[in-house]
Amino acid sequence: MALSERMKVLQDAMSLYSDMTVKNFQTIHALGDAVVQHLPIYLGEGSQVWGVPPTGEYRTDAGDYRDAKFSTYHEGTLTLAPIQMGVAVGIPHTKDEGKFWPRVVLEFEMIGNAITVRIGDSPRAIRGIPLEFDKQDIEQICEGMHEYIRSVLENPVKVATAVGKGKLGFI
C-alpha cells in the first residue's frame, strides 16, 4: 500500500519515538543495575543492597528483584517517560544482629543526550549524566543516595514527608 507524504511523516515520527523509547529503557536499566552493583562497594564493609520494586511490598530475603526493581516491569507498554527504581539498603542495628532496610526510590529521566536522576523526594537532582556513563557518574549517584538517606534519617520530619510522598519506605 502506498502512503501519502503526510502518512510517511507520521510513520517516521513514530519510528523515532519507538527508537528513543527503547534507548531510554535500555540505558536507564543499565545505569540502575550499575548503581545497585556499585552501591555496596561505595558504602563499604557491612553494607548490603538490593534492587526492589519502587512501589508496593518487597522482601529483603528475596535478593535483587532484577527487572522487577524498575517501574517498567509491570507497565506492559513502554513509553518515553521517567523510569523509577527501588533500592533497599541494609543498615546494621547497633544493639543486635538485625538490619534496618529503607527503600529509596530513584527516578531516571533521559533528556536529550543526558540522564537526570532524582533521589527520593530530594529537591536536588543529579543532572547531566551522559548516556555513556562511567564509574564517576555512578559514584555521584551513590554519594547522593548516601547523603539522602543520612539526611532523612537524621530528621524525623523529613522521614514523614519522604514516606508520605512514596519516595522512602520501610519494612
N, C-alpha and C. Protein backbone atom coordinates (compact mmCIF):
# COMPACT_ATOMS: atom_id res chain seq x y z
N MET A 1 0.85 -1.17 0.00
CA MET A 1 0.00 0.00 0.00
C MET A 1 0.90 1.24 0.00
N ALA A 2 0.60 2.14 -0.85
CA ALA A 2 1.35 3.39 -0.93
C ALA A 2 0.85 4.33 0.16
N LEU A 3 1.78 5.06 0.74
CA LEU A 3 1.43 6.02 1.79
C LEU A 3 1.55 7.44 1.26
N SER A 4 0.68 8.29 1.75
CA SER A 4 0.78 9.70 1.39
C SER A 4 2.00 10.30 2.09
N GLU A 5 2.42 11.46 1.65
CA GLU A 5 3.57 12.14 2.26
C GLU A 5 3.30 12.43 3.74
N ARG A 6 2.08 12.81 4.05
CA ARG A 6 1.74 13.10 5.45
C ARG A 6 1.82 11.84 6.30
N MET A 7 1.37 10.73 5.75
CA MET A 7 1.45 9.47 6.50
C MET A 7 2.90 9.01 6.67
N LYS A 8 3.74 9.28 5.67
CA LYS A 8 5.17 8.95 5.79
C LYS A 8 5.83 9.77 6.89
N VAL A 9 5.45 11.04 6.98
CA VAL A 9 5.98 11.90 8.05
C VAL A 9 5.58 11.33 9.42
N LEU A 10 4.31 10.94 9.55
CA LEU A 10 3.84 10.35 10.81
C LEU A 10 4.54 9.02 11.09
N GLN A 11 4.74 8.24 10.05
CA GLN A 11 5.43 6.96 10.20
C GLN A 11 6.87 7.16 10.68
N ASP A 12 7.57 8.12 10.12
CA ASP A 12 8.94 8.44 10.53
C ASP A 12 8.97 8.93 11.99
N ALA A 13 8.01 9.76 12.35
CA ALA A 13 7.94 10.27 13.72
C ALA A 13 7.68 9.13 14.70
N MET A 14 6.81 8.20 14.31
CA MET A 14 6.51 7.05 15.16
C MET A 14 7.75 6.18 15.32
N SER A 15 8.51 5.98 14.27
CA SER A 15 9.73 5.18 14.34
C SER A 15 10.76 5.84 15.25
N LEU A 16 10.89 7.15 15.16
CA LEU A 16 11.82 7.88 16.02
C LEU A 16 11.42 7.74 17.48
N TYR A 17 10.13 7.91 17.76
CA TYR A 17 9.62 7.76 19.12
C TYR A 17 9.91 6.35 19.64
N SER A 18 9.66 5.38 18.83
CA SER A 18 9.89 3.97 19.19
C SER A 18 11.36 3.73 19.52
N ASP A 19 12.24 4.20 18.66
CA ASP A 19 13.68 4.02 18.88
C ASP A 19 14.13 4.69 20.17
N MET A 20 13.64 5.91 20.42
CA MET A 20 14.02 6.64 21.64
C MET A 20 13.47 5.95 22.89
N THR A 21 12.29 5.36 22.79
CA THR A 21 11.71 4.65 23.92
C THR A 21 12.57 3.45 24.29
N VAL A 22 13.00 2.70 23.31
CA VAL A 22 13.85 1.52 23.57
C VAL A 22 15.20 1.97 24.12
N LYS A 23 15.77 3.02 23.56
CA LYS A 23 17.05 3.53 24.05
C LYS A 23 16.92 4.00 25.50
N ASN A 24 15.83 4.69 25.82
CA ASN A 24 15.54 5.15 27.18
C ASN A 24 15.51 3.95 28.14
N PHE A 25 14.76 2.93 27.78
CA PHE A 25 14.61 1.72 28.59
C PHE A 25 15.97 1.05 28.81
N GLN A 26 16.70 0.80 27.75
CA GLN A 26 17.98 0.08 27.85
C GLN A 26 19.03 0.86 28.62
N THR A 27 19.13 2.15 28.37
CA THR A 27 20.14 2.98 29.03
C THR A 27 19.85 3.11 30.52
N ILE A 28 18.61 3.39 30.86
CA ILE A 28 18.26 3.57 32.27
C ILE A 28 18.36 2.26 33.03
N HIS A 29 17.96 1.16 32.43
CA HIS A 29 18.11 -0.13 33.12
C HIS A 29 19.58 -0.44 33.37
N ALA A 30 20.43 -0.16 32.40
CA ALA A 30 21.87 -0.42 32.58
C ALA A 30 22.44 0.47 33.69
N LEU A 31 22.04 1.74 33.73
CA LEU A 31 22.52 2.63 34.77
C LEU A 31 22.00 2.20 36.14
N GLY A 32 20.74 1.85 36.23
CA GLY A 32 20.17 1.38 37.50
C GLY A 32 20.86 0.13 38.01
N ASP A 33 21.09 -0.83 37.12
CA ASP A 33 21.81 -2.05 37.51
C ASP A 33 23.22 -1.72 38.01
N ALA A 34 23.89 -0.79 37.34
CA ALA A 34 25.25 -0.40 37.74
C ALA A 34 25.24 0.25 39.12
N VAL A 35 24.24 1.04 39.42
CA VAL A 35 24.13 1.67 40.75
C VAL A 35 23.95 0.60 41.83
N VAL A 36 23.04 -0.35 41.60
CA VAL A 36 22.80 -1.40 42.59
C VAL A 36 24.06 -2.26 42.79
N GLN A 37 24.81 -2.50 41.74
CA GLN A 37 26.05 -3.28 41.86
C GLN A 37 27.16 -2.50 42.56
N HIS A 38 27.21 -1.19 42.34
CA HIS A 38 28.32 -0.40 42.89
C HIS A 38 28.05 0.14 44.30
N LEU A 39 26.80 0.34 44.67
CA LEU A 39 26.50 0.95 45.96
C LEU A 39 27.11 0.19 47.15
N PRO A 40 27.10 -1.15 47.19
CA PRO A 40 27.75 -1.82 48.32
C PRO A 40 29.26 -1.56 48.37
N ILE A 41 29.87 -1.41 47.22
CA ILE A 41 31.31 -1.10 47.17
C ILE A 41 31.52 0.32 47.71
N TYR A 42 30.67 1.24 47.29
CA TYR A 42 30.76 2.62 47.75
C TYR A 42 30.56 2.71 49.27
N LEU A 43 29.54 2.01 49.78
CA LEU A 43 29.23 2.07 51.21
C LEU A 43 30.26 1.34 52.05
N GLY A 44 30.87 0.31 51.50
CA GLY A 44 31.94 -0.39 52.19
C GLY A 44 31.47 -1.56 53.05
N GLU A 45 32.39 -1.99 53.90
CA GLU A 45 32.18 -3.18 54.73
C GLU A 45 30.89 -3.11 55.53
N GLY A 46 30.17 -4.22 55.56
CA GLY A 46 28.93 -4.32 56.32
C GLY A 46 27.70 -3.90 55.55
N SER A 47 27.88 -3.43 54.32
CA SER A 47 26.73 -2.96 53.55
C SER A 47 26.08 -4.10 52.78
N GLN A 48 24.80 -3.92 52.54
CA GLN A 48 24.04 -4.86 51.73
C GLN A 48 23.00 -4.05 50.97
N VAL A 49 22.87 -4.30 49.68
CA VAL A 49 21.98 -3.51 48.82
C VAL A 49 21.23 -4.45 47.89
N TRP A 50 19.92 -4.20 47.74
CA TRP A 50 19.10 -4.96 46.80
C TRP A 50 18.27 -4.00 45.97
N GLY A 51 18.11 -4.33 44.72
CA GLY A 51 17.15 -3.62 43.88
C GLY A 51 15.79 -4.21 44.17
N VAL A 52 14.82 -3.38 44.53
CA VAL A 52 13.48 -3.82 44.90
C VAL A 52 12.45 -3.00 44.13
N PRO A 53 11.21 -3.46 44.04
CA PRO A 53 10.20 -2.67 43.32
C PRO A 53 10.08 -1.26 43.92
N PRO A 54 9.86 -0.26 43.08
CA PRO A 54 9.76 1.11 43.58
C PRO A 54 8.47 1.39 44.36
N THR A 55 7.47 0.54 44.20
CA THR A 55 6.22 0.69 44.93
C THR A 55 5.78 -0.67 45.43
N GLY A 56 4.90 -0.68 46.39
CA GLY A 56 4.35 -1.92 46.91
C GLY A 56 5.31 -2.62 47.86
N GLU A 57 4.97 -3.85 48.16
CA GLU A 57 5.76 -4.61 49.12
C GLU A 57 7.01 -5.21 48.48
N TYR A 58 7.99 -5.49 49.32
CA TYR A 58 9.22 -6.15 48.89
C TYR A 58 9.78 -6.94 50.06
N ARG A 59 10.58 -7.91 49.72
CA ARG A 59 11.23 -8.75 50.75
C ARG A 59 12.73 -8.68 50.56
N THR A 60 13.44 -8.42 51.62
CA THR A 60 14.89 -8.33 51.52
C THR A 60 15.53 -9.72 51.45
N ASP A 61 14.83 -10.74 51.91
CA ASP A 61 15.39 -12.09 51.83
C ASP A 61 15.21 -12.70 50.44
N ALA A 62 14.58 -11.96 49.53
CA ALA A 62 14.38 -12.44 48.15
C ALA A 62 15.55 -12.04 47.25
N GLY A 63 16.46 -11.21 47.76
CA GLY A 63 17.59 -10.76 46.94
C GLY A 63 17.17 -9.68 45.96
N ASP A 64 17.98 -9.51 44.94
CA ASP A 64 17.72 -8.49 43.94
C ASP A 64 16.53 -8.90 43.07
N TYR A 65 15.65 -7.97 42.82
CA TYR A 65 14.45 -8.24 42.03
C TYR A 65 14.67 -8.15 40.53
N ARG A 66 15.90 -7.96 40.10
CA ARG A 66 16.27 -7.86 38.69
C ARG A 66 15.40 -6.82 37.97
N ASP A 67 14.75 -7.19 36.88
CA ASP A 67 13.94 -6.22 36.12
C ASP A 67 12.75 -5.69 36.91
N ALA A 68 12.27 -6.45 37.90
CA ALA A 68 11.11 -6.02 38.69
C ALA A 68 11.44 -4.86 39.62
N LYS A 69 12.72 -4.47 39.71
CA LYS A 69 13.07 -3.31 40.52
C LYS A 69 12.76 -2.00 39.79
N PHE A 70 12.38 -2.10 38.53
CA PHE A 70 12.05 -0.92 37.72
C PHE A 70 10.55 -0.78 37.54
N SER A 71 10.09 0.45 37.44
CA SER A 71 8.66 0.72 37.25
C SER A 71 8.15 0.18 35.91
N THR A 72 9.04 -0.07 34.97
CA THR A 72 8.63 -0.57 33.66
C THR A 72 8.19 -2.03 33.69
N TYR A 73 8.51 -2.74 34.76
CA TYR A 73 8.29 -4.19 34.81
C TYR A 73 6.81 -4.56 34.67
N HIS A 74 5.93 -3.88 35.36
CA HIS A 74 4.51 -4.24 35.35
C HIS A 74 3.66 -3.38 34.42
N GLU A 75 4.29 -2.39 33.77
CA GLU A 75 3.51 -1.46 32.95
C GLU A 75 3.04 -2.05 31.63
N GLY A 76 3.75 -3.03 31.09
CA GLY A 76 3.31 -3.65 29.85
C GLY A 76 3.74 -2.92 28.60
N THR A 77 3.37 -1.67 28.45
CA THR A 77 3.71 -0.89 27.28
C THR A 77 4.79 0.12 27.66
N LEU A 78 5.86 0.16 26.87
CA LEU A 78 6.91 1.13 27.12
C LEU A 78 6.49 2.48 26.56
N THR A 79 6.80 3.52 27.33
CA THR A 79 6.59 4.88 26.86
C THR A 79 7.87 5.67 27.12
N LEU A 80 8.01 6.77 26.47
CA LEU A 80 9.16 7.63 26.67
C LEU A 80 8.86 8.51 27.88
N ALA A 81 9.10 7.94 29.05
CA ALA A 81 8.76 8.61 30.30
C ALA A 81 9.83 8.28 31.34
N PRO A 82 9.88 9.05 32.44
CA PRO A 82 10.82 8.71 33.51
C PRO A 82 10.58 7.29 34.02
N ILE A 83 11.65 6.66 34.46
CA ILE A 83 11.58 5.29 34.99
C ILE A 83 12.04 5.34 36.45
N GLN A 84 11.26 4.71 37.31
CA GLN A 84 11.62 4.63 38.73
C GLN A 84 12.24 3.29 39.04
N MET A 85 13.10 3.29 40.08
CA MET A 85 13.73 2.06 40.56
C MET A 85 13.81 2.14 42.08
N GLY A 86 13.54 1.02 42.74
CA GLY A 86 13.67 0.96 44.19
C GLY A 86 15.01 0.35 44.59
N VAL A 87 15.62 0.91 45.63
CA VAL A 87 16.88 0.40 46.16
C VAL A 87 16.72 0.28 47.67
N ALA A 88 16.89 -0.94 48.20
CA ALA A 88 16.85 -1.17 49.64
C ALA A 88 18.28 -1.30 50.15
N VAL A 89 18.58 -0.56 51.21
CA VAL A 89 19.92 -0.57 51.79
C VAL A 89 19.81 -1.15 53.20
N GLY A 90 20.54 -2.23 53.45
CA GLY A 90 20.56 -2.85 54.78
C GLY A 90 21.52 -2.11 55.69
N ILE A 91 20.99 -1.49 56.74
CA ILE A 91 21.80 -0.76 57.71
C ILE A 91 21.80 -1.58 59.00
N PRO A 92 22.96 -2.13 59.39
CA PRO A 92 23.01 -2.96 60.60
C PRO A 92 22.61 -2.19 61.87
N HIS A 93 21.85 -2.86 62.72
CA HIS A 93 21.49 -2.29 64.03
C HIS A 93 22.75 -2.19 64.89
N THR A 94 22.76 -1.26 65.81
CA THR A 94 23.90 -1.13 66.73
C THR A 94 23.73 -2.01 67.96
N LYS A 95 22.49 -2.45 68.26
CA LYS A 95 22.24 -3.17 69.51
C LYS A 95 21.93 -4.66 69.33
N ASP A 96 21.79 -5.12 68.09
CA ASP A 96 21.54 -6.54 67.86
C ASP A 96 22.04 -6.91 66.47
N GLU A 97 21.71 -8.08 66.01
CA GLU A 97 22.20 -8.57 64.72
C GLU A 97 21.28 -8.22 63.54
N GLY A 98 20.19 -7.50 63.81
CA GLY A 98 19.24 -7.17 62.75
C GLY A 98 19.72 -6.05 61.84
N LYS A 99 18.93 -5.80 60.82
CA LYS A 99 19.20 -4.71 59.88
C LYS A 99 17.93 -3.92 59.65
N PHE A 100 18.11 -2.64 59.41
CA PHE A 100 17.05 -1.73 59.03
C PHE A 100 17.15 -1.59 57.52
N TRP A 101 16.03 -1.72 56.80
CA TRP A 101 16.04 -1.75 55.34
C TRP A 101 15.20 -0.62 54.73
N PRO A 102 15.69 0.61 54.69
CA PRO A 102 14.93 1.64 53.99
C PRO A 102 15.01 1.43 52.47
N ARG A 103 13.90 1.70 51.81
CA ARG A 103 13.87 1.67 50.34
C ARG A 103 13.85 3.11 49.85
N VAL A 104 14.77 3.42 48.96
CA VAL A 104 14.85 4.74 48.35
C VAL A 104 14.42 4.59 46.89
N VAL A 105 13.56 5.47 46.44
CA VAL A 105 13.12 5.44 45.06
C VAL A 105 13.96 6.44 44.25
N LEU A 106 14.60 5.90 43.21
CA LEU A 106 15.34 6.74 42.27
C LEU A 106 14.46 6.91 41.04
N GLU A 107 14.49 8.11 40.47
CA GLU A 107 13.77 8.36 39.23
C GLU A 107 14.76 8.84 38.18
N PHE A 108 14.80 8.14 37.07
CA PHE A 108 15.72 8.44 35.97
C PHE A 108 14.91 9.02 34.81
N GLU A 109 15.41 10.12 34.26
CA GLU A 109 14.75 10.71 33.11
C GLU A 109 15.79 11.06 32.06
N MET A 110 15.62 10.50 30.88
CA MET A 110 16.53 10.79 29.77
C MET A 110 16.02 12.02 29.04
N ILE A 111 16.88 13.04 29.03
CA ILE A 111 16.53 14.30 28.36
C ILE A 111 17.63 14.57 27.35
N GLY A 112 17.33 14.43 26.08
CA GLY A 112 18.34 14.60 25.05
C GLY A 112 19.41 13.53 25.17
N ASN A 113 20.66 13.96 25.31
CA ASN A 113 21.78 13.02 25.42
C ASN A 113 22.29 12.90 26.84
N ALA A 114 21.43 13.14 27.82
CA ALA A 114 21.84 13.05 29.22
C ALA A 114 20.70 12.50 30.06
N ILE A 115 21.07 12.06 31.26
CA ILE A 115 20.08 11.50 32.20
C ILE A 115 20.08 12.37 33.45
N THR A 116 18.89 12.63 33.95
CA THR A 116 18.71 13.31 35.23
C THR A 116 18.24 12.26 36.22
N VAL A 117 18.83 12.26 37.42
CA VAL A 117 18.46 11.30 38.46
C VAL A 117 17.94 12.07 39.66
N ARG A 118 16.75 11.71 40.11
CA ARG A 118 16.17 12.27 41.33
C ARG A 118 16.21 11.18 42.39
N ILE A 119 16.69 11.55 43.57
CA ILE A 119 16.84 10.59 44.67
C ILE A 119 15.79 10.89 45.72
N GLY A 120 14.89 9.91 45.94
CA GLY A 120 13.82 10.11 46.92
C GLY A 120 13.02 11.35 46.59
N ASP A 121 12.72 12.12 47.63
CA ASP A 121 11.97 13.36 47.42
C ASP A 121 12.87 14.59 47.52
N SER A 122 14.17 14.36 47.36
CA SER A 122 15.11 15.47 47.42
C SER A 122 14.81 16.49 46.33
N PRO A 123 14.85 17.78 46.67
CA PRO A 123 14.61 18.80 45.65
C PRO A 123 15.78 18.92 44.67
N ARG A 124 16.93 18.39 45.06
CA ARG A 124 18.12 18.45 44.21
C ARG A 124 18.19 17.23 43.31
N ALA A 125 18.47 17.44 42.05
CA ALA A 125 18.61 16.34 41.10
C ALA A 125 20.05 16.30 40.61
N ILE A 126 20.47 15.11 40.22
CA ILE A 126 21.79 14.95 39.60
C ILE A 126 21.53 15.02 38.10
N ARG A 127 22.05 16.06 37.48
CA ARG A 127 21.78 16.31 36.07
C ARG A 127 23.03 16.07 35.22
N GLY A 128 22.81 15.79 33.96
CA GLY A 128 23.92 15.72 33.02
C GLY A 128 24.70 14.42 33.00
N ILE A 129 24.11 13.33 33.50
CA ILE A 129 24.77 12.02 33.42
C ILE A 129 24.74 11.60 31.94
N PRO A 130 25.90 11.39 31.33
CA PRO A 130 25.90 11.04 29.90
C PRO A 130 25.30 9.64 29.67
N LEU A 131 24.76 9.44 28.47
CA LEU A 131 24.19 8.13 28.14
C LEU A 131 25.27 7.05 28.17
N GLU A 132 26.49 7.43 27.88
CA GLU A 132 27.64 6.52 28.01
C GLU A 132 28.30 6.82 29.36
N PHE A 133 27.59 6.52 30.44
CA PHE A 133 28.03 6.84 31.80
C PHE A 133 29.26 6.03 32.18
N ASP A 134 29.97 6.51 33.19
CA ASP A 134 31.16 5.80 33.68
C ASP A 134 31.11 5.67 35.20
N LYS A 135 32.17 5.13 35.77
CA LYS A 135 32.23 4.86 37.21
C LYS A 135 32.05 6.14 38.01
N GLN A 136 32.60 7.23 37.54
CA GLN A 136 32.49 8.51 38.24
C GLN A 136 31.02 8.96 38.32
N ASP A 137 30.27 8.74 37.26
CA ASP A 137 28.85 9.09 37.24
C ASP A 137 28.08 8.23 38.25
N ILE A 138 28.41 6.95 38.31
CA ILE A 138 27.76 6.03 39.25
C ILE A 138 28.12 6.43 40.68
N GLU A 139 29.38 6.78 40.91
CA GLU A 139 29.83 7.25 42.23
C GLU A 139 29.02 8.47 42.66
N GLN A 140 28.75 9.37 41.75
CA GLN A 140 27.99 10.58 42.06
C GLN A 140 26.58 10.22 42.53
N ILE A 141 25.96 9.25 41.90
CA ILE A 141 24.62 8.81 42.30
C ILE A 141 24.70 8.13 43.67
N CYS A 142 25.70 7.27 43.88
CA CYS A 142 25.87 6.59 45.17
C CYS A 142 26.08 7.62 46.30
N GLU A 143 26.88 8.62 46.03
CA GLU A 143 27.11 9.68 47.02
C GLU A 143 25.81 10.41 47.34
N GLY A 144 25.03 10.70 46.31
CA GLY A 144 23.74 11.35 46.52
C GLY A 144 22.79 10.50 47.34
N MET A 145 22.81 9.19 47.09
CA MET A 145 21.94 8.28 47.87
C MET A 145 22.37 8.25 49.33
N HIS A 146 23.68 8.13 49.57
CA HIS A 146 24.20 8.11 50.94
C HIS A 146 23.79 9.38 51.68
N GLU A 147 23.98 10.51 51.04
CA GLU A 147 23.64 11.80 51.65
C GLU A 147 22.13 11.90 51.91
N TYR A 148 21.33 11.43 50.95
CA TYR A 148 19.87 11.48 51.11
C TYR A 148 19.42 10.63 52.29
N ILE A 149 19.86 9.40 52.36
CA ILE A 149 19.45 8.50 53.45
C ILE A 149 19.88 9.10 54.79
N ARG A 150 21.13 9.57 54.87
CA ARG A 150 21.63 10.16 56.12
C ARG A 150 20.77 11.36 56.52
N SER A 151 20.53 12.28 55.59
CA SER A 151 19.79 13.49 55.93
C SER A 151 18.35 13.19 56.34
N VAL A 152 17.73 12.23 55.70
CA VAL A 152 16.35 11.88 56.04
C VAL A 152 16.29 11.23 57.41
N LEU A 153 17.18 10.29 57.68
CA LEU A 153 17.13 9.57 58.96
C LEU A 153 17.49 10.47 60.14
N GLU A 154 18.25 11.53 59.89
CA GLU A 154 18.60 12.45 60.97
C GLU A 154 17.49 13.46 61.27
N ASN A 155 16.44 13.46 60.46
CA ASN A 155 15.38 14.44 60.63
C ASN A 155 14.02 13.75 60.53
N PRO A 156 13.34 13.53 61.68
CA PRO A 156 12.04 12.82 61.65
C PRO A 156 10.99 13.47 60.76
N VAL A 157 11.03 14.79 60.60
CA VAL A 157 10.06 15.45 59.72
C VAL A 157 10.31 15.04 58.28
N LYS A 158 11.59 14.96 57.88
CA LYS A 158 11.93 14.53 56.52
C LYS A 158 11.49 13.08 56.30
N VAL A 159 11.62 12.23 57.33
CA VAL A 159 11.18 10.84 57.20
C VAL A 159 9.70 10.80 56.87
N ALA A 160 8.89 11.52 57.65
CA ALA A 160 7.44 11.52 57.44
C ALA A 160 7.09 12.07 56.05
N THR A 161 7.76 13.12 55.65
CA THR A 161 7.50 13.72 54.33
C THR A 161 7.86 12.76 53.21
N ALA A 162 9.05 12.14 53.29
CA ALA A 162 9.50 11.22 52.25
C ALA A 162 8.60 9.99 52.17
N VAL A 163 8.20 9.47 53.31
CA VAL A 163 7.30 8.30 53.33
C VAL A 163 5.96 8.70 52.74
N GLY A 164 5.45 9.87 53.12
CA GLY A 164 4.16 10.34 52.62
C GLY A 164 4.14 10.52 51.11
N LYS A 165 5.27 10.90 50.53
CA LYS A 165 5.36 11.09 49.08
C LYS A 165 5.65 9.78 48.35
N GLY A 166 5.86 8.70 49.09
CA GLY A 166 6.16 7.41 48.46
C GLY A 166 7.57 7.29 47.93
N LYS A 167 8.47 8.13 48.40
CA LYS A 167 9.85 8.13 47.91
C LYS A 167 10.79 7.43 48.88
N LEU A 168 10.30 7.05 50.06
CA LEU A 168 11.09 6.33 51.03
C LEU A 168 10.15 5.35 51.69
N GLY A 169 10.59 4.12 51.86
CA GLY A 169 9.74 3.12 52.50
C GLY A 169 10.54 2.25 53.43
N PHE A 170 9.86 1.60 54.34
CA PHE A 170 10.50 0.72 55.32
C PHE A 170 9.75 -0.61 55.36
N ILE A 171 10.47 -1.65 55.73
CA ILE A 171 9.79 -2.91 56.03
C ILE A 171 10.14 -3.31 57.44
